């Protein structure tokens, strides 16, 4: 007869996995590390959206400015004589809605002001285009 071998039952505390307590501690450490990172990136995300708006408005204002500046001097001078320092009616100048655009669900129309800065001799015009808080300007000479 063979000798009797006693088999030990494995101890319940020697498991290869993680306990619920260890998992909760790991999650707590991750939350403590992640929350400050999210707070640090929050303003950056906000400013990214703001810079997108500045970029869109600047490019649209430049586009309108280039279209206005491409007109001949006589046409622009006539606008000045009729609307000194008043906004130009872009619908009558380019056609209805040609310069309006939508950004984030809001429709914007550039504000264009053309003034004679030559001291009355009619040889130099200042063209200013504003959209929201962005303003671009140039001068056009009669040469």
C-alpha atoms as a PDB file:
ATOM      1  CA  UNK A   1       0.000   0.000   0.000  1.00  0.00           C
ATOM      2  CA  UNK A   2       1.268   3.386  -0.834  1.00  0.00           C
ATOM      3  CA  UNK A   3       1.774   5.917   1.840  1.00  0.00           C
ATOM      4  CA  UNK A   4      -0.962   8.434   2.246  1.00  0.00           C
ATOM      5  CA  UNK A   5      -0.134  11.808   0.878  1.00  0.00           C
ATOM      6  CA  UNK A   6      -1.707  14.785   2.395  1.00  0.00           C
ATOM      7  CA  UNK A   7      -2.732  17.447  -0.051  1.00  0.00           C
ATOM      8  CA  UNK A   8      -2.738  20.947   1.196  1.00  0.00           C
ATOM      9  CA  UNK A   9      -5.582  23.142   0.206  1.00  0.00           C
ATOM     10  CA  UNK A  10      -4.417  26.416  -1.296  1.00  0.00           C
ATOM     11  CA  UNK A  11      -4.677  29.369   1.028  1.00  0.00           C
ATOM     12  CA  UNK A  12      -7.373  31.779  -0.079  1.00  0.00           C
ATOM     13  CA  UNK A  13      -5.133  34.861   0.239  1.00  0.00           C
ATOM     14  CA  UNK A  14      -2.590  33.772  -2.388  1.00  0.00           C
ATOM     15  CA  UNK A  15      -4.447  34.797  -5.523  1.00  0.00           C
ATOM     16  CA  UNK A  16      -2.661  36.097  -8.636  1.00  0.00           C
ATOM     17  CA  UNK A  17      -5.307  38.815  -9.329  1.00  0.00           C
ATOM     18  CA  UNK A  18      -5.990  42.228  -7.829  1.00  0.00           C
ATOM     19  CA  UNK A  19      -8.339  42.839  -4.975  1.00  0.00           C
ATOM     20  CA  UNK A  20     -11.165  45.327  -5.191  1.00  0.00           C
ATOM     21  CA  UNK A  21      -9.327  47.550  -2.714  1.00  0.00           C
ATOM     22  CA  UNK A  22      -6.208  47.660  -4.918  1.00  0.00           C
ATOM     23  CA  UNK A  23      -8.284  48.564  -7.962  1.00  0.00           C
ATOM     24  CA  UNK A  24     -10.041  51.380  -6.083  1.00  0.00           C
ATOM     25  CA  UNK A  25      -6.702  52.786  -4.880  1.00  0.00           C
ATOM     26  CA  UNK A  26      -5.340  52.717  -8.461  1.00  0.00           C
ATOM     27  CA  UNK A  27      -8.431  54.560  -9.746  1.00  0.00           C
ATOM     28  CA  UNK A  28      -8.097  57.133  -6.970  1.00  0.00           C
ATOM     29  CA  UNK A  29      -4.456  57.791  -7.875  1.00  0.00           C
ATOM     30  CA  UNK A  30      -5.369  58.180 -11.561  1.00  0.00           C
ATOM     31  CA  UNK A  31      -8.168  60.647 -10.745  1.00  0.00           C
ATOM     32  CA  UNK A  32      -5.826  62.699  -8.563  1.00  0.00           C
ATOM     33  CA  UNK A  33      -3.335  62.855 -11.473  1.00  0.00           C
ATOM     34  CA  UNK A  34      -5.852  63.468 -14.294  1.00  0.00           C
ATOM     35  CA  UNK A  35      -7.949  66.276 -12.757  1.00  0.00           C
ATOM     36  CA  UNK A  36      -5.089  68.844 -12.704  1.00  0.00           C
ATOM     37  CA  UNK A  37      -4.161  67.928 -16.282  1.00  0.00           C
ATOM     38  CA  UNK A  38      -7.725  68.548 -17.453  1.00  0.00           C
ATOM     39  CA  UNK A  39      -7.768  71.874 -15.611  1.00  0.00           C
ATOM     40  CA  UNK A  40      -4.504  72.824 -17.304  1.00  0.00           C
ATOM     41  CA  UNK A  41      -5.790  71.991 -20.807  1.00  0.00           C
ATOM     42  CA  UNK A  42      -9.206  73.644 -20.355  1.00  0.00           C
ATOM     43  CA  UNK A  43      -8.038  77.220 -21.028  1.00  0.00           C
ATOM     44  CA  UNK A  44      -5.976  76.021 -23.991  1.00  0.00           C
ATOM     45  CA  UNK A  45      -9.074  74.490 -25.580  1.00  0.00           C
ATOM     46  CA  UNK A  46     -11.004  77.724 -24.973  1.00  0.00           C
ATOM     47  CA  UNK A  47      -8.297  79.863 -26.577  1.00  0.00           C
ATOM     48  CA  UNK A  48      -8.099  77.506 -29.545  1.00  0.00           C
ATOM     49  CA  UNK A  49     -11.765  78.201 -30.277  1.00  0.00           C
ATOM     50  CA  UNK A  50     -11.227  81.936 -29.822  1.00  0.00           C
ATOM     51  CA  UNK A  51      -8.229  81.929 -32.162  1.00  0.00           C
ATOM     52  CA  UNK A  52     -10.281  80.080 -34.754  1.00  0.00           C
ATOM     53  CA  UNK A  53     -12.817  82.922 -34.705  1.00  0.00           C
ATOM     54  CA  UNK A  54     -10.070  85.555 -35.019  1.00  0.00           C
ATOM     55  CA  UNK A  55      -8.590  83.684 -37.969  1.00  0.00           C
ATOM     56  CA  UNK A  56     -11.943  83.318 -39.760  1.00  0.00           C
ATOM     57  CA  UNK A  57     -12.889  86.983 -39.232  1.00  0.00           C
ATOM     58  CA  UNK A  58      -9.450  88.228 -40.297  1.00  0.00           C
ATOM     59  CA  UNK A  59      -9.479  86.171 -43.486  1.00  0.00           C
ATOM     60  CA  UNK A  60     -13.020  87.254 -44.367  1.00  0.00           C
ATOM     61  CA  UNK A  61     -12.146  90.912 -43.718  1.00  0.00           C
ATOM     62  CA  UNK A  62      -9.046  90.612 -45.921  1.00  0.00           C
ATOM     63  CA  UNK A  63     -11.127  89.011 -48.661  1.00  0.00           C
ATOM     64  CA  UNK A  64     -13.628  91.883 -48.592  1.00  0.00           C
ATOM     65  CA  UNK A  65     -10.824  94.450 -48.419  1.00  0.00           C
ATOM     66  CA  UNK A  66      -9.138  92.940 -51.470  1.00  0.00           C
ATOM     67  CA  UNK A  67     -12.413  92.962 -53.428  1.00  0.00           C
ATOM     68  CA  UNK A  68     -13.080  96.610 -52.534  1.00  0.00           C
ATOM     69  CA  UNK A  69      -9.486  97.659 -53.271  1.00  0.00           C
ATOM     70  CA  UNK A  70      -9.680  95.965 -56.678  1.00  0.00           C
ATOM     71  CA  UNK A  71     -12.386  98.429 -57.776  1.00  0.00           C
ATOM     72  CA  UNK A  72     -11.220 101.427 -59.784  1.00  0.00           C
ATOM     73  CA  UNK A  73     -10.468 104.645 -57.931  1.00  0.00           C
ATOM     74  CA  UNK A  74     -13.291 106.616 -59.573  1.00  0.00           C
ATOM     75  CA  UNK A  75     -15.936 104.176 -58.312  1.00  0.00           C
ATOM     76  CA  UNK A  76     -14.574 104.281 -54.780  1.00  0.00           C
ATOM     77  CA  UNK A  77     -14.227 108.082 -54.871  1.00  0.00           C
ATOM     78  CA  UNK A  78     -17.888 108.354 -55.906  1.00  0.00           C
ATOM     79  CA  UNK A  79     -18.827 106.202 -52.893  1.00  0.00           C
ATOM     80  CA  UNK A  80     -16.866 108.565 -50.654  1.00  0.00           C
ATOM     81  CA  UNK A  81     -18.638 111.625 -52.072  1.00  0.00           C
ATOM     82  CA  UNK A  82     -22.038 110.014 -51.425  1.00  0.00           C
ATOM     83  CA  UNK A  83     -21.281 108.348 -48.051  1.00  0.00           C
ATOM     84  CA  UNK A  84     -18.406 110.177 -46.347  1.00  0.00           C
ATOM     85  CA  UNK A  85     -17.417 108.071 -43.293  1.00  0.00           C
ATOM     86  CA  UNK A  86     -20.631 106.033 -43.515  1.00  0.00           C
ATOM     87  CA  UNK A  87     -20.619 102.271 -44.076  1.00  0.00           C
ATOM     88  CA  UNK A  88     -20.725 101.213 -47.715  1.00  0.00           C
ATOM     89  CA  UNK A  89     -23.815  99.247 -48.745  1.00  0.00           C
ATOM     90  CA  UNK A  90     -22.119  96.015 -49.826  1.00  0.00           C
ATOM     91  CA  UNK A  91     -25.348  94.559 -51.242  1.00  0.00           C
ATOM     92  CA  UNK A  92     -25.541  97.361 -53.814  1.00  0.00           C
ATOM     93  CA  UNK A  93     -21.782  97.261 -54.466  1.00  0.00           C
ATOM     94  CA  UNK A  94     -21.286  93.482 -54.913  1.00  0.00           C
ATOM     95  CA  UNK A  95     -24.808  92.063 -55.020  1.00  0.00           C
ATOM     96  CA  UNK A  96     -27.179  90.885 -52.320  1.00  0.00           C
ATOM     97  CA  UNK A  97     -25.494  88.665 -49.724  1.00  0.00           C
ATOM     98  CA  UNK A  98     -22.202  88.334 -51.606  1.00  0.00           C
ATOM     99  CA  UNK A  99     -20.031  89.326 -48.640  1.00  0.00           C
ATOM    100  CA  UNK A 100     -22.123  87.834 -45.813  1.00  0.00           C
ATOM    101  CA  UNK A 101     -20.942  84.589 -44.237  1.00  0.00           C
ATOM    102  CA  UNK A 102     -21.940  82.281 -41.403  1.00  0.00           C
ATOM    103  CA  UNK A 103     -19.677  81.184 -38.576  1.00  0.00           C
ATOM    104  CA  UNK A 104     -20.893  78.932 -35.763  1.00  0.00           C
ATOM    105  CA  UNK A 105     -24.506  79.519 -36.695  1.00  0.00           C
ATOM    106  CA  UNK A 106     -24.289  83.336 -36.785  1.00  0.00           C
ATOM    107  CA  UNK A 107     -24.367  85.363 -40.004  1.00  0.00           C
ATOM    108  CA  UNK A 108     -21.879  88.220 -40.271  1.00  0.00           C
ATOM    109  CA  UNK A 109     -21.626  91.050 -42.811  1.00  0.00           C
ATOM    110  CA  UNK A 110     -18.438  93.098 -43.015  1.00  0.00           C
ATOM    111  CA  UNK A 111     -18.677  96.841 -42.315  1.00  0.00           C
ATOM    112  CA  UNK A 112     -16.764  98.865 -44.910  1.00  0.00           C
ATOM    113  CA  UNK A 113     -15.928 102.555 -44.469  1.00  0.00           C
ATOM    114  CA  UNK A 114     -14.115 104.500 -47.187  1.00  0.00           C
ATOM    115  CA  UNK A 115     -12.840 108.004 -46.388  1.00  0.00           C
ATOM    116  CA  UNK A 116     -10.854 110.612 -48.309  1.00  0.00           C
ATOM    117  CA  UNK A 117      -7.595 111.171 -46.404  1.00  0.00           C
ATOM    118  CA  UNK A 118      -5.946 113.372 -49.010  1.00  0.00           C
ATOM    119  CA  UNK A 119      -7.098 116.622 -47.456  1.00  0.00           C
ATOM    120  CA  UNK A 120      -9.793 117.269 -50.047  1.00  0.00           C
ATOM    121  CA  UNK A 121      -7.743 116.779 -53.200  1.00  0.00           C
ATOM    122  CA  UNK A 122      -9.336 113.381 -53.867  1.00  0.00           C
ATOM    123  CA  UNK A 123      -6.112 111.498 -54.434  1.00  0.00           C
ATOM    124  CA  UNK A 124      -5.932 109.115 -51.452  1.00  0.00           C
ATOM    125  CA  UNK A 125      -8.633 106.952 -49.917  1.00  0.00           C
ATOM    126  CA  UNK A 126      -8.590 104.968 -46.667  1.00  0.00           C
ATOM    127  CA  UNK A 127     -10.516 101.692 -46.842  1.00  0.00           C
ATOM    128  CA  UNK A 128     -11.437 100.019 -43.554  1.00  0.00           C
ATOM    129  CA  UNK A 129     -13.203  96.656 -43.179  1.00  0.00           C
ATOM    130  CA  UNK A 130     -14.504  95.490 -39.776  1.00  0.00           C
ATOM    131  CA  UNK A 131     -16.017  92.192 -38.732  1.00  0.00           C
ATOM    132  CA  UNK A 132     -16.857  91.648 -35.089  1.00  0.00           C
ATOM    133  CA  UNK A 133     -13.739  92.983 -33.303  1.00  0.00           C
ATOM    134  CA  UNK A 134     -11.353  92.608 -36.264  1.00  0.00           C
ATOM    135  CA  UNK A 135     -10.475  95.594 -38.453  1.00  0.00           C
ATOM    136  CA  UNK A 136      -8.187  95.614 -41.479  1.00  0.00           C
ATOM    137  CA  UNK A 137      -7.403  98.686 -43.551  1.00  0.00           C
ATOM    138  CA  UNK A 138      -5.469  99.899 -46.533  1.00  0.00           C
ATOM    139  CA  UNK A 139      -5.061 103.019 -48.622  1.00  0.00           C
ATOM    140  CA  UNK A 140      -5.754 103.447 -52.326  1.00  0.00           C
ATOM    141  CA  UNK A 141      -4.192 106.235 -54.366  1.00  0.00           C
ATOM    142  CA  UNK A 142      -5.289 107.802 -57.629  1.00  0.00           C
ATOM    143  CA  UNK A 143      -2.168 107.407 -59.722  1.00  0.00           C
END
